[in-house]
Structures are given as C-alpha cells and as structure tokens.
PDB file of N, CA and C in Angstrom:
ATOM      1  N   MET A   1       8.935   6.567   2.096  1.00  0.00           N
ATOM      2  CA  MET A   1       8.780   5.162   2.384  1.00  0.00           C
ATOM      3  C   MET A   1       8.649   4.900   3.872  1.00  0.00           C
ATOM      4  N   LYS A   2       9.393   5.639   4.657  1.00  0.00           N
ATOM      5  CA  LYS A   2       9.337   5.411   6.101  1.00  0.00           C
ATOM      6  C   LYS A   2       7.955   5.735   6.648  1.00  0.00           C
ATOM      7  N   TYR A   3       7.335   6.799   6.105  1.00  0.00           N
ATOM      8  CA  TYR A   3       6.003   7.172   6.561  1.00  0.00           C
ATOM      9  C   TYR A   3       4.999   6.080   6.217  1.00  0.00           C
ATOM     10  N   LEU A   4       5.084   5.537   5.026  1.00  0.00           N
ATOM     11  CA  LEU A   4       4.177   4.472   4.615  1.00  0.00           C
ATOM     12  C   LEU A   4       4.380   3.225   5.465  1.00  0.00           C
ATOM     13  N   ALA A   5       5.616   2.908   5.773  1.00  0.00           N
ATOM     14  CA  ALA A   5       5.902   1.744   6.622  1.00  0.00           C
ATOM     15  C   ALA A   5       5.327   1.933   8.026  1.00  0.00           C
ATOM     16  N   SER A   6       5.413   3.139   8.555  1.00  0.00           N
ATOM     17  CA  SER A   6       4.853   3.383   9.894  1.00  0.00           C
ATOM     18  C   SER A   6       3.331   3.323   9.866  1.00  0.00           C
ATOM     19  N   LEU A   7       2.726   3.754   8.774  1.00  0.00           N
ATOM     20  CA  LEU A   7       1.269   3.645   8.652  1.00  0.00           C
ATOM     21  C   LEU A   7       0.833   2.188   8.618  1.00  0.00           C
ATOM     22  N   VAL A   8       1.577   1.367   7.921  1.00  0.00           N
ATOM     23  CA  VAL A   8       1.244  -0.054   7.836  1.00  0.00           C
ATOM     24  C   VAL A   8       1.281  -0.692   9.212  1.00  0.00           C
ATOM     25  N   GLU A   9       2.256  -0.330  10.015  1.00  0.00           N
ATOM     26  CA  GLU A   9       2.342  -0.878  11.369  1.00  0.00           C
ATOM     27  C   GLU A   9       1.127  -0.477  12.202  1.00  0.00           C
ATOM     28  N   LYS A  10       0.627   0.730  11.983  1.00  0.00           N
ATOM     29  CA  LYS A  10      -0.516   1.211  12.754  1.00  0.00           C
ATOM     30  C   LYS A  10      -1.829   0.586  12.322  1.00  0.00           C
ATOM     31  N   VAL A  11      -2.034   0.416  11.017  1.00  0.00           N
ATOM     32  CA  VAL A  11      -3.333  -0.046  10.533  1.00  0.00           C
ATOM     33  C   VAL A  11      -3.430  -1.554  10.379  1.00  0.00           C
ATOM     34  N   GLY A  12      -2.329  -2.252  10.219  1.00  0.00           N
ATOM     35  CA  GLY A  12      -2.353  -3.707  10.094  1.00  0.00           C
ATOM     36  C   GLY A  12      -2.307  -4.175   8.650  1.00  0.00           C
ATOM     37  N   LYS A  13      -1.919  -5.427   8.487  1.00  0.00           N
ATOM     38  CA  LYS A  13      -1.729  -5.994   7.151  1.00  0.00           C
ATOM     39  C   LYS A  13      -3.034  -6.176   6.390  1.00  0.00           C
ATOM     40  N   GLU A  14      -4.117  -6.499   7.085  1.00  0.00           N
ATOM     41  CA  GLU A  14      -5.388  -6.736   6.411  1.00  0.00           C
ATOM     42  C   GLU A  14      -5.884  -5.460   5.737  1.00  0.00           C
ATOM     43  N   ARG A  15      -5.843  -4.358   6.472  1.00  0.00           N
ATOM     44  CA  ARG A  15      -6.289  -3.091   5.887  1.00  0.00           C
ATOM     45  C   ARG A  15      -5.327  -2.639   4.794  1.00  0.00           C
ATOM     46  N   PHE A  16      -4.027  -2.849   5.000  1.00  0.00           N
ATOM     47  CA  PHE A  16      -3.055  -2.506   3.965  1.00  0.00           C
ATOM     48  C   PHE A  16      -3.355  -3.257   2.679  1.00  0.00           C
ATOM     49  N   ASP A  17      -3.631  -4.547   2.782  1.00  0.00           N
ATOM     50  CA  ASP A  17      -3.927  -5.341   1.591  1.00  0.00           C
ATOM     51  C   ASP A  17      -5.159  -4.811   0.859  1.00  0.00           C
ATOM     52  N   ALA A  18      -6.187  -4.470   1.616  1.00  0.00           N
ATOM     53  CA  ALA A  18      -7.410  -3.954   0.998  1.00  0.00           C
ATOM     54  C   ALA A  18      -7.154  -2.622   0.298  1.00  0.00           C
ATOM     55  N   GLU A  19      -6.502  -1.710   0.976  1.00  0.00           N
ATOM     56  CA  GLU A  19      -6.235  -0.393   0.400  1.00  0.00           C
ATOM     57  C   GLU A  19      -5.195  -0.463  -0.718  1.00  0.00           C
ATOM     58  N   PHE A  20      -4.228  -1.372  -0.600  1.00  0.00           N
ATOM     59  CA  PHE A  20      -3.226  -1.560  -1.650  1.00  0.00           C
ATOM     60  C   PHE A  20      -3.904  -2.020  -2.929  1.00  0.00           C
ATOM     61  N   GLY A  21      -4.830  -2.936  -2.803  1.00  0.00           N
ATOM     62  CA  GLY A  21      -5.573  -3.415  -3.968  1.00  0.00           C
ATOM     63  C   GLY A  21      -6.342  -2.307  -4.648  1.00  0.00           C
ATOM     64  N   LYS A  22      -6.959  -1.426  -3.856  1.00  0.00           N
ATOM     65  CA  LYS A  22      -7.690  -0.295  -4.421  1.00  0.00           C
ATOM     66  C   LYS A  22      -6.744   0.700  -5.089  1.00  0.00           C
ATOM     67  N   ALA A  23      -5.592   0.924  -4.475  1.00  0.00           N
ATOM     68  CA  ALA A  23      -4.638   1.910  -4.987  1.00  0.00           C
ATOM     69  C   ALA A  23      -4.018   1.483  -6.309  1.00  0.00           C
ATOM     70  N   VAL A  24      -3.856   0.185  -6.521  1.00  0.00           N
ATOM     71  CA  VAL A  24      -3.206  -0.282  -7.745  1.00  0.00           C
ATOM     72  C   VAL A  24      -4.201  -0.664  -8.839  1.00  0.00           C
ATOM     73  N   THR A  25      -5.484  -0.527  -8.563  1.00  0.00           N
ATOM     74  CA  THR A  25      -6.490  -0.821  -9.570  1.00  0.00           C
ATOM     75  C   THR A  25      -6.320   0.137 -10.742  1.00  0.00           C
ATOM     76  N   GLY A  26      -6.288  -0.423 -11.931  1.00  0.00           N
ATOM     77  CA  GLY A  26      -6.135   0.383 -13.131  1.00  0.00           C
ATOM     78  C   GLY A  26      -4.690   0.672 -13.508  1.00  0.00           C
ATOM     79  N   THR A  27      -3.739   0.096 -12.786  1.00  0.00           N
ATOM     80  CA  THR A  27      -2.321   0.269 -13.099  1.00  0.00           C
ATOM     81  C   THR A  27      -1.736  -1.086 -13.484  1.00  0.00           C
ATOM     82  N   ASP A  28      -0.485  -1.099 -13.857  1.00  0.00           N
ATOM     83  CA  ASP A  28       0.194  -2.354 -14.191  1.00  0.00           C
ATOM     84  C   ASP A  28       0.747  -3.062 -12.961  1.00  0.00           C
ATOM     85  N   ILE A  29       0.579  -2.469 -11.790  1.00  0.00           N
ATOM     86  CA  ILE A  29       1.101  -3.036 -10.543  1.00  0.00           C
ATOM     87  C   ILE A  29       0.165  -4.142 -10.065  1.00  0.00           C
ATOM     88  N   LYS A  30       0.731  -5.273  -9.733  1.00  0.00           N
ATOM     89  CA  LYS A  30      -0.072  -6.410  -9.260  1.00  0.00           C
ATOM     90  C   LYS A  30      -0.299  -6.298  -7.756  1.00  0.00           C
ATOM     91  N   PRO A  31      -1.418  -6.835  -7.260  1.00  0.00           N
ATOM     92  CA  PRO A  31      -1.665  -6.841  -5.813  1.00  0.00           C
ATOM     93  C   PRO A  31      -0.565  -7.594  -5.065  1.00  0.00           C
ATOM     94  N   ARG A  32      -0.499  -7.371  -3.774  1.00  0.00           N
ATOM     95  CA  ARG A  32       0.530  -7.985  -2.940  1.00  0.00           C
ATOM     96  C   ARG A  32       0.356  -9.496  -2.925  1.00  0.00           C
ATOM     97  N   ALA A  33       1.455 -10.206  -3.127  1.00  0.00           N
ATOM     98  CA  ALA A  33       1.436 -11.666  -3.065  1.00  0.00           C
ATOM     99  C   ALA A  33       1.292 -12.111  -1.614  1.00  0.00           C
ATOM    100  N   SER A  34       0.861 -13.342  -1.409  1.00  0.00           N
ATOM    101  CA  SER A  34       0.577 -13.820  -0.052  1.00  0.00           C
ATOM    102  C   SER A  34       1.810 -13.838   0.850  1.00  0.00           C
ATOM    103  N   ARG A  35       2.980 -14.108   0.301  1.00  0.00           N
ATOM    104  CA  ARG A  35       4.187 -14.175   1.128  1.00  0.00           C
ATOM    105  C   ARG A  35       5.083 -12.959   0.958  1.00  0.00           C
ATOM    106  N   GLU A  36       4.601 -11.940   0.260  1.00  0.00           N
ATOM    107  CA  GLU A  36       5.393 -10.740   0.027  1.00  0.00           C
ATOM    108  C   GLU A  36       5.270  -9.793   1.222  1.00  0.00           C
ATOM    109  N   ARG A  37       6.370  -9.222   1.626  1.00  0.00           N
ATOM    110  CA  ARG A  37       6.345  -8.273   2.738  1.00  0.00           C
ATOM    111  C   ARG A  37       5.687  -6.975   2.296  1.00  0.00           C
ATOM    112  N   THR A  38       5.085  -6.285   3.252  1.00  0.00           N
ATOM    113  CA  THR A  38       4.407  -5.037   2.928  1.00  0.00           C
ATOM    114  C   THR A  38       5.386  -3.980   2.418  1.00  0.00           C
ATOM    115  N   THR A  39       6.578  -3.936   2.967  1.00  0.00           N
ATOM    116  CA  THR A  39       7.554  -2.940   2.509  1.00  0.00           C
ATOM    117  C   THR A  39       8.019  -3.232   1.086  1.00  0.00           C
ATOM    118  N   THR A  40       8.139  -4.500   0.743  1.00  0.00           N
ATOM    119  CA  THR A  40       8.517  -4.871  -0.624  1.00  0.00           C
ATOM    120  C   THR A  40       7.413  -4.472  -1.595  1.00  0.00           C
ATOM    121  N   ALA A  41       6.180  -4.710  -1.212  1.00  0.00           N
ATOM    122  CA  ALA A  41       5.053  -4.331  -2.066  1.00  0.00           C
ATOM    123  C   ALA A  41       4.986  -2.813  -2.216  1.00  0.00           C
ATOM    124  N   ALA A  42       5.240  -2.094  -1.149  1.00  0.00           N
ATOM    125  CA  ALA A  42       5.181  -0.635  -1.195  1.00  0.00           C
ATOM    126  C   ALA A  42       6.257  -0.058  -2.104  1.00  0.00           C
ATOM    127  N   LYS A  43       7.389  -0.718  -2.205  1.00  0.00           N
ATOM    128  CA  LYS A  43       8.468  -0.242  -3.069  1.00  0.00           C
ATOM    129  C   LYS A  43       8.096  -0.317  -4.546  1.00  0.00           C
ATOM    130  N   ARG A  44       7.144  -1.163  -4.891  1.00  0.00           N
ATOM    131  CA  ARG A  44       6.726  -1.305  -6.281  1.00  0.00           C
ATOM    132  C   ARG A  44       5.767  -0.210  -6.723  1.00  0.00           C
ATOM    133  N   LEU A  45       5.270   0.589  -5.798  1.00  0.00           N
ATOM    134  CA  LEU A  45       4.278   1.607  -6.117  1.00  0.00           C
ATOM    135  C   LEU A  45       4.871   2.788  -6.883  1.00  0.00           C
ATOM    136  N   THR A  46       4.050   3.353  -7.739  1.00  0.00           N
ATOM    137  CA  THR A  46       4.405   4.624  -8.365  1.00  0.00           C
ATOM    138  C   THR A  46       4.111   5.722  -7.362  1.00  0.00           C
ATOM    139  N   LYS A  47       4.574   6.931  -7.633  1.00  0.00           N
ATOM    140  CA  LYS A  47       4.310   8.041  -6.711  1.00  0.00           C
ATOM    141  C   LYS A  47       2.818   8.286  -6.560  1.00  0.00           C
ATOM    142  N   ALA A  48       2.096   8.244  -7.664  1.00  0.00           N
ATOM    143  CA  ALA A  48       0.652   8.496  -7.615  1.00  0.00           C
ATOM    144  C   ALA A  48      -0.079   7.429  -6.802  1.00  0.00           C
ATOM    145  N   ALA A  49       0.282   6.177  -7.017  1.00  0.00           N
ATOM    146  CA  ALA A  49      -0.355   5.087  -6.272  1.00  0.00           C
ATOM    147  C   ALA A  49       0.020   5.163  -4.796  1.00  0.00           C
ATOM    148  N   ALA A  50       1.254   5.546  -4.494  1.00  0.00           N
ATOM    149  CA  ALA A  50       1.679   5.677  -3.095  1.00  0.00           C
ATOM    150  C   ALA A  50       0.902   6.795  -2.405  1.00  0.00           C
ATOM    151  N   ARG A  51       0.704   7.904  -3.103  1.00  0.00           N
ATOM    152  CA  ARG A  51      -0.090   8.998  -2.521  1.00  0.00           C
ATOM    153  C   ARG A  51      -1.512   8.558  -2.237  1.00  0.00           C
ATOM    154  N   LYS A  52      -2.088   7.827  -3.182  1.00  0.00           N
ATOM    155  CA  LYS A  52      -3.456   7.333  -3.016  1.00  0.00           C
ATOM    156  C   LYS A  52      -3.545   6.380  -1.820  1.00  0.00           C
ATOM    157  N   LEU A  53      -2.565   5.510  -1.686  1.00  0.00           N
ATOM    158  CA  LEU A  53      -2.537   4.553  -0.581  1.00  0.00           C
ATOM    159  C   LEU A  53      -2.351   5.259   0.754  1.00  0.00           C
ATOM    160  N   ILE A  54      -1.440   6.200   0.817  1.00  0.00           N
ATOM    161  CA  ILE A  54      -1.204   6.945   2.059  1.00  0.00           C
ATOM    162  C   ILE A  54      -2.454   7.700   2.464  1.00  0.00           C
ATOM    163  N   GLY A  55      -3.104   8.327   1.503  1.00  0.00           N
ATOM    164  CA  GLY A  55      -4.345   9.046   1.796  1.00  0.00           C
ATOM    165  C   GLY A  55      -5.418   8.125   2.358  1.00  0.00           C
ATOM    166  N   ALA A  56      -5.542   6.939   1.784  1.00  0.00           N
ATOM    167  CA  ALA A  56      -6.548   5.989   2.253  1.00  0.00           C
ATOM    168  C   ALA A  56      -6.219   5.463   3.644  1.00  0.00           C
ATOM    169  N   LEU A  57      -4.943   5.168   3.889  1.00  0.00           N
ATOM    170  CA  LEU A  57      -4.548   4.632   5.198  1.00  0.00           C
ATOM    171  C   LEU A  57      -4.608   5.694   6.289  1.00  0.00           C
ATOM    172  N   ALA A  58      -4.340   6.943   5.914  1.00  0.00           N
ATOM    173  CA  ALA A  58      -4.368   8.026   6.891  1.00  0.00           C
ATOM    174  C   ALA A  58      -5.785   8.538   7.135  1.00  0.00           C
ATOM    175  N   GLY A  59      -6.736   8.083   6.320  1.00  0.00           N
ATOM    176  CA  GLY A  59      -8.125   8.491   6.513  1.00  0.00           C
ATOM    177  C   GLY A  59      -8.461   9.819   5.881  1.00  0.00           C
ATOM    178  N   ARG A  60      -7.788  10.152   4.799  1.00  0.00           N
ATOM    179  CA  ARG A  60      -8.075  11.426   4.108  1.00  0.00           C
ATOM    180  C   ARG A  60      -8.957  11.218   2.928  1.00  0.00           C
TER     181      ARG A  60
END
C-alpha cells in the first residue's frame, strides 16, 4: 500500500483516476468517487487489480 500511495503522489490524481478506472474494469469494484481519497480507493482493490494499477502507474 505504501508503494501505491507514493506512486499516486508522483503521478497525480488525474492519472490515478484514469488508470484506476482501467484497472477495475470487469470487476465488482466501482470507480473512485469524486470526494473519495485515493488511499481509500486503493484499499478497495484486489491484489490483481492493485498489480495492474501499479504496473500502469509505473509505466510497465
């Protein structure tokens, strides 16, 4: 979680929202709400979705 939080600080909320939406597509996880913190949204991720999001934010 700490690594994902540090990535969010580096890339910004706009990119996080875009990549978060892509990472949760096809799952039961809903996109981040407008007033929801990024760390709260990240806690809702499954391991697979978190890996996908980290890969996208890190540029892999």
